Amino acid sequence: MGIERMHSANYFRKRAALFRAKAGNAKRASTKGALREAAKNYADLARRAEQIQTTRR
């Protein structure tokens, strides 16, 4: 069972937005890149969680 089954798509979207905001406030390029990558991963999880919810209906 993957993590995308444990939380809603909305949960992951909020986490992605949080990490994008943190990236916007980061000063170092490497930190910004890492935070943006984390945001991208959360956005991907949101899409997967949404797909799971759609197929269950």
PDB file of N, CA and C in Angstrom:
ATOM      1  N   MET A   1       0.854  -1.181   0.000  1.00  0.00           N
ATOM      2  CA  MET A   1       0.000   0.000   0.000  1.00  0.00           C
ATOM      3  C   MET A   1       0.897   1.241   0.000  1.00  0.00           C
ATOM      4  N   GLY A   2       0.681   2.118  -0.960  1.00  0.00           N
ATOM      5  CA  GLY A   2       1.473   3.331  -1.072  1.00  0.00           C
ATOM      6  C   GLY A   2       0.922   4.457  -0.214  1.00  0.00           C
ATOM      7  N   ILE A   3       1.749   5.437   0.014  1.00  0.00           N
ATOM      8  CA  ILE A   3       1.355   6.579   0.838  1.00  0.00           C
ATOM      9  C   ILE A   3       0.170   7.332   0.236  1.00  0.00           C
ATOM     10  N   GLU A   4       0.065   7.302  -1.105  1.00  0.00           N
ATOM     11  CA  GLU A   4      -1.028   8.031  -1.738  1.00  0.00           C
ATOM     12  C   GLU A   4      -2.395   7.447  -1.376  1.00  0.00           C
ATOM     13  N   ARG A   5      -2.418   6.259  -0.822  1.00  0.00           N
ATOM     14  CA  ARG A   5      -3.679   5.659  -0.362  1.00  0.00           C
ATOM     15  C   ARG A   5      -4.021   6.090   1.070  1.00  0.00           C
ATOM     16  N   MET A   6      -3.044   6.639   1.774  1.00  0.00           N
ATOM     17  CA  MET A   6      -3.241   6.989   3.175  1.00  0.00           C
ATOM     18  C   MET A   6      -3.793   8.395   3.372  1.00  0.00           C
ATOM     19  N   HIS A   7      -3.565   9.281   2.405  1.00  0.00           N
ATOM     20  CA  HIS A   7      -3.993  10.672   2.522  1.00  0.00           C
ATOM     21  C   HIS A   7      -4.759  11.084   1.271  1.00  0.00           C
ATOM     22  N   SER A   8      -5.525  12.138   1.398  1.00  0.00           N
ATOM     23  CA  SER A   8      -6.292  12.642   0.257  1.00  0.00           C
ATOM     24  C   SER A   8      -5.398  13.447  -0.681  1.00  0.00           C
ATOM     25  N   ALA A   9      -5.891  13.625  -1.897  1.00  0.00           N
ATOM     26  CA  ALA A   9      -5.169  14.445  -2.876  1.00  0.00           C
ATOM     27  C   ALA A   9      -5.019  15.872  -2.349  1.00  0.00           C
ATOM     28  N   ASN A  10      -6.019  16.355  -1.654  1.00  0.00           N
ATOM     29  CA  ASN A  10      -5.972  17.709  -1.104  1.00  0.00           C
ATOM     30  C   ASN A  10      -4.826  17.860  -0.089  1.00  0.00           C
ATOM     31  N   TYR A  11      -4.600  16.848   0.706  1.00  0.00           N
ATOM     32  CA  TYR A  11      -3.493  16.865   1.669  1.00  0.00           C
ATOM     33  C   TYR A  11      -2.168  17.077   0.936  1.00  0.00           C
ATOM     34  N   PHE A  12      -1.956  16.299  -0.132  1.00  0.00           N
ATOM     35  CA  PHE A  12      -0.701  16.403  -0.877  1.00  0.00           C
ATOM     36  C   PHE A  12      -0.594  17.734  -1.610  1.00  0.00           C
ATOM     37  N   ARG A  13      -1.695  18.279  -2.099  1.00  0.00           N
ATOM     38  CA  ARG A  13      -1.658  19.592  -2.752  1.00  0.00           C
ATOM     39  C   ARG A  13      -1.251  20.684  -1.770  1.00  0.00           C
ATOM     40  N   LYS A  14      -1.761  20.604  -0.549  1.00  0.00           N
ATOM     41  CA  LYS A  14      -1.388  21.585   0.479  1.00  0.00           C
ATOM     42  C   LYS A  14       0.096  21.479   0.815  1.00  0.00           C
ATOM     43  N   ARG A  15       0.604  20.247   0.897  1.00  0.00           N
ATOM     44  CA  ARG A  15       2.027  20.057   1.179  1.00  0.00           C
ATOM     45  C   ARG A  15       2.869  20.613   0.036  1.00  0.00           C
ATOM     46  N   ALA A  16       2.442  20.389  -1.203  1.00  0.00           N
ATOM     47  CA  ALA A  16       3.178  20.912  -2.364  1.00  0.00           C
ATOM     48  C   ALA A  16       3.220  22.437  -2.308  1.00  0.00           C
ATOM     49  N   ALA A  17       2.090  23.055  -1.985  1.00  0.00           N
ATOM     50  CA  ALA A  17       2.042  24.520  -1.897  1.00  0.00           C
ATOM     51  C   ALA A  17       2.965  25.023  -0.794  1.00  0.00           C
ATOM     52  N   LEU A  18       3.004  24.325   0.319  1.00  0.00           N
ATOM     53  CA  LEU A  18       3.880  24.698   1.426  1.00  0.00           C
ATOM     54  C   LEU A  18       5.351  24.661   0.998  1.00  0.00           C
ATOM     55  N   PHE A  19       5.733  23.605   0.308  1.00  0.00           N
ATOM     56  CA  PHE A  19       7.127  23.496  -0.119  1.00  0.00           C
ATOM     57  C   PHE A  19       7.465  24.508  -1.209  1.00  0.00           C
ATOM     58  N   ARG A  20       6.518  24.842  -2.081  1.00  0.00           N
ATOM     59  CA  ARG A  20       6.760  25.890  -3.075  1.00  0.00           C
ATOM     60  C   ARG A  20       6.980  27.231  -2.384  1.00  0.00           C
ATOM     61  N   ALA A  21       6.197  27.507  -1.340  1.00  0.00           N
ATOM     62  CA  ALA A  21       6.358  28.756  -0.592  1.00  0.00           C
ATOM     63  C   ALA A  21       7.718  28.792   0.098  1.00  0.00           C
ATOM     64  N   LYS A  22       8.116  27.670   0.687  1.00  0.00           N
ATOM     65  CA  LYS A  22       9.430  27.612   1.335  1.00  0.00           C
ATOM     66  C   LYS A  22      10.545  27.826   0.317  1.00  0.00           C
ATOM     67  N   ALA A  23      10.387  27.265  -0.875  1.00  0.00           N
ATOM     68  CA  ALA A  23      11.388  27.438  -1.929  1.00  0.00           C
ATOM     69  C   ALA A  23      11.487  28.908  -2.328  1.00  0.00           C
ATOM     70  N   GLY A  24      10.348  29.580  -2.358  1.00  0.00           N
ATOM     71  CA  GLY A  24      10.350  30.997  -2.703  1.00  0.00           C
ATOM     72  C   GLY A  24      11.087  31.854  -1.691  1.00  0.00           C
ATOM     73  N   ASN A  25      11.147  31.396  -0.451  1.00  0.00           N
ATOM     74  CA  ASN A  25      11.824  32.150   0.606  1.00  0.00           C
ATOM     75  C   ASN A  25      13.276  31.738   0.806  1.00  0.00           C
ATOM     76  N   ALA A  26      13.692  30.650   0.176  1.00  0.00           N
ATOM     77  CA  ALA A  26      15.055  30.154   0.362  1.00  0.00           C
ATOM     78  C   ALA A  26      16.060  31.054  -0.354  1.00  0.00           C
ATOM     79  N   LYS A  27      17.227  31.180   0.237  1.00  0.00           N
ATOM     80  CA  LYS A  27      18.262  32.041  -0.331  1.00  0.00           C
ATOM     81  C   LYS A  27      19.230  31.263  -1.223  1.00  0.00           C
ATOM     82  N   ARG A  28      19.561  30.055  -0.850  1.00  0.00           N
ATOM     83  CA  ARG A  28      20.529  29.259  -1.612  1.00  0.00           C
ATOM     84  C   ARG A  28      19.831  28.533  -2.764  1.00  0.00           C
ATOM     85  N   ALA A  29      20.495  28.523  -3.898  1.00  0.00           N
ATOM     86  CA  ALA A  29      19.940  27.868  -5.090  1.00  0.00           C
ATOM     87  C   ALA A  29      19.742  26.367  -4.860  1.00  0.00           C
ATOM     88  N   SER A  30      20.670  25.747  -4.163  1.00  0.00           N
ATOM     89  CA  SER A  30      20.556  24.311  -3.920  1.00  0.00           C
ATOM     90  C   SER A  30      19.363  23.998  -3.024  1.00  0.00           C
ATOM     91  N   THR A  31      19.113  24.856  -2.055  1.00  0.00           N
ATOM     92  CA  THR A  31      17.963  24.673  -1.171  1.00  0.00           C
ATOM     93  C   THR A  31      16.673  24.873  -1.943  1.00  0.00           C
ATOM     94  N   LYS A  32      16.630  25.920  -2.778  1.00  0.00           N
ATOM     95  CA  LYS A  32      15.451  26.162  -3.605  1.00  0.00           C
ATOM     96  C   LYS A  32      15.156  24.962  -4.490  1.00  0.00           C
ATOM     97  N   GLY A  33      16.192  24.426  -5.100  1.00  0.00           N
ATOM     98  CA  GLY A  33      16.015  23.272  -5.980  1.00  0.00           C
ATOM     99  C   GLY A  33      15.474  22.065  -5.244  1.00  0.00           C
ATOM    100  N   ALA A  34      16.010  21.801  -4.062  1.00  0.00           N
ATOM    101  CA  ALA A  34      15.556  20.654  -3.270  1.00  0.00           C
ATOM    102  C   ALA A  34      14.099  20.828  -2.839  1.00  0.00           C
ATOM    103  N   LEU A  35      13.738  22.037  -2.425  1.00  0.00           N
ATOM    104  CA  LEU A  35      12.361  22.289  -1.998  1.00  0.00           C
ATOM    105  C   LEU A  35      11.387  22.222  -3.173  1.00  0.00           C
ATOM    106  N   ARG A  36      11.819  22.711  -4.324  1.00  0.00           N
ATOM    107  CA  ARG A  36      10.966  22.612  -5.521  1.00  0.00           C
ATOM    108  C   ARG A  36      10.773  21.161  -5.933  1.00  0.00           C
ATOM    109  N   GLU A  37      11.807  20.362  -5.801  1.00  0.00           N
ATOM    110  CA  GLU A  37      11.695  18.934  -6.120  1.00  0.00           C
ATOM    111  C   GLU A  37      10.732  18.244  -5.151  1.00  0.00           C
ATOM    112  N   ALA A  38      10.806  18.600  -3.878  1.00  0.00           N
ATOM    113  CA  ALA A  38       9.870  18.040  -2.897  1.00  0.00           C
ATOM    114  C   ALA A  38       8.441  18.446  -3.252  1.00  0.00           C
ATOM    115  N   ALA A  39       8.245  19.694  -3.652  1.00  0.00           N
ATOM    116  CA  ALA A  39       6.910  20.165  -4.052  1.00  0.00           C
ATOM    117  C   ALA A  39       6.407  19.385  -5.253  1.00  0.00           C
ATOM    118  N   LYS A  40       7.282  19.128  -6.213  1.00  0.00           N
ATOM    119  CA  LYS A  40       6.912  18.359  -7.400  1.00  0.00           C
ATOM    120  C   LYS A  40       6.497  16.946  -7.000  1.00  0.00           C
ATOM    121  N   ASN A  41       7.244  16.343  -6.085  1.00  0.00           N
ATOM    122  CA  ASN A  41       6.916  14.990  -5.626  1.00  0.00           C
ATOM    123  C   ASN A  41       5.558  14.956  -4.935  1.00  0.00           C
ATOM    124  N   TYR A  42       5.258  15.972  -4.120  1.00  0.00           N
ATOM    125  CA  TYR A  42       3.950  16.025  -3.474  1.00  0.00           C
ATOM    126  C   TYR A  42       2.840  16.226  -4.500  1.00  0.00           C
ATOM    127  N   ALA A  43       3.088  17.029  -5.526  1.00  0.00           N
ATOM    128  CA  ALA A  43       2.091  17.223  -6.581  1.00  0.00           C
ATOM    129  C   ALA A  43       1.837  15.909  -7.323  1.00  0.00           C
ATOM    130  N   ASP A  44       2.897  15.141  -7.554  1.00  0.00           N
ATOM    131  CA  ASP A  44       2.745  13.825  -8.186  1.00  0.00           C
ATOM    132  C   ASP A  44       1.921  12.893  -7.307  1.00  0.00           C
ATOM    133  N   LEU A  45       2.183  12.915  -6.010  1.00  0.00           N
ATOM    134  CA  LEU A  45       1.397  12.089  -5.085  1.00  0.00           C
ATOM    135  C   LEU A  45      -0.069  12.502  -5.098  1.00  0.00           C
ATOM    136  N   ALA A  46      -0.330  13.797  -5.207  1.00  0.00           N
ATOM    137  CA  ALA A  46      -1.715  14.277  -5.267  1.00  0.00           C
ATOM    138  C   ALA A  46      -2.411  13.724  -6.499  1.00  0.00           C
ATOM    139  N   ARG A  47      -1.725  13.736  -7.630  1.00  0.00           N
ATOM    140  CA  ARG A  47      -2.317  13.192  -8.858  1.00  0.00           C
ATOM    141  C   ARG A  47      -2.587  11.697  -8.720  1.00  0.00           C
ATOM    142  N   ARG A  48      -1.642  10.976  -8.120  1.00  0.00           N
ATOM    143  CA  ARG A  48      -1.844   9.539  -7.933  1.00  0.00           C
ATOM    144  C   ARG A  48      -2.972   9.249  -6.958  1.00  0.00           C
ATOM    145  N   ALA A  49      -3.061  10.022  -5.893  1.00  0.00           N
ATOM    146  CA  ALA A  49      -4.151   9.836  -4.924  1.00  0.00           C
ATOM    147  C   ALA A  49      -5.499  10.117  -5.584  1.00  0.00           C
ATOM    148  N   GLU A  50      -5.536  11.119  -6.440  1.00  0.00           N
ATOM    149  CA  GLU A  50      -6.774  11.442  -7.156  1.00  0.00           C
ATOM    150  C   GLU A  50      -7.163  10.316  -8.104  1.00  0.00           C
ATOM    151  N   GLN A  51      -6.200   9.735  -8.785  1.00  0.00           N
ATOM    152  CA  GLN A  51      -6.471   8.620  -9.690  1.00  0.00           C
ATOM    153  C   GLN A  51      -7.009   7.423  -8.922  1.00  0.00           C
ATOM    154  N   ILE A  52      -6.453   7.162  -7.762  1.00  0.00           N
ATOM    155  CA  ILE A  52      -6.922   6.046  -6.944  1.00  0.00           C
ATOM    156  C   ILE A  52      -8.362   6.281  -6.527  1.00  0.00           C
ATOM    157  N   GLN A  53      -8.682   7.485  -6.075  1.00  0.00           N
ATOM    158  CA  GLN A  53     -10.051   7.816  -5.669  1.00  0.00           C
ATOM    159  C   GLN A  53     -11.014   7.675  -6.836  1.00  0.00           C
ATOM    160  N   THR A  54     -10.580   8.068  -8.036  1.00  0.00           N
ATOM    161  CA  THR A  54     -11.436   8.019  -9.217  1.00  0.00           C
ATOM    162  C   THR A  54     -11.724   6.568  -9.607  1.00  0.00           C
ATOM    163  N   THR A  55     -10.736   5.696  -9.521  1.00  0.00           N
ATOM    164  CA  THR A  55     -10.948   4.301  -9.901  1.00  0.00           C
ATOM    165  C   THR A  55     -11.742   3.525  -8.862  1.00  0.00           C
ATOM    166  N   ARG A  56     -11.765   3.982  -7.640  1.00  0.00           N
ATOM    167  CA  ARG A  56     -12.536   3.307  -6.580  1.00  0.00           C
ATOM    168  C   ARG A  56     -14.029   3.573  -6.699  1.00  0.00           C
ATOM    169  N   ARG A  57     -14.382   4.646  -7.349  1.00  0.00           N
ATOM    170  CA  ARG A  57     -15.811   5.012  -7.432  1.00  0.00           C
ATOM    171  C   ARG A  57     -16.547   4.194  -8.424  1.00  0.00           C
TER     172      ARG A  57
END
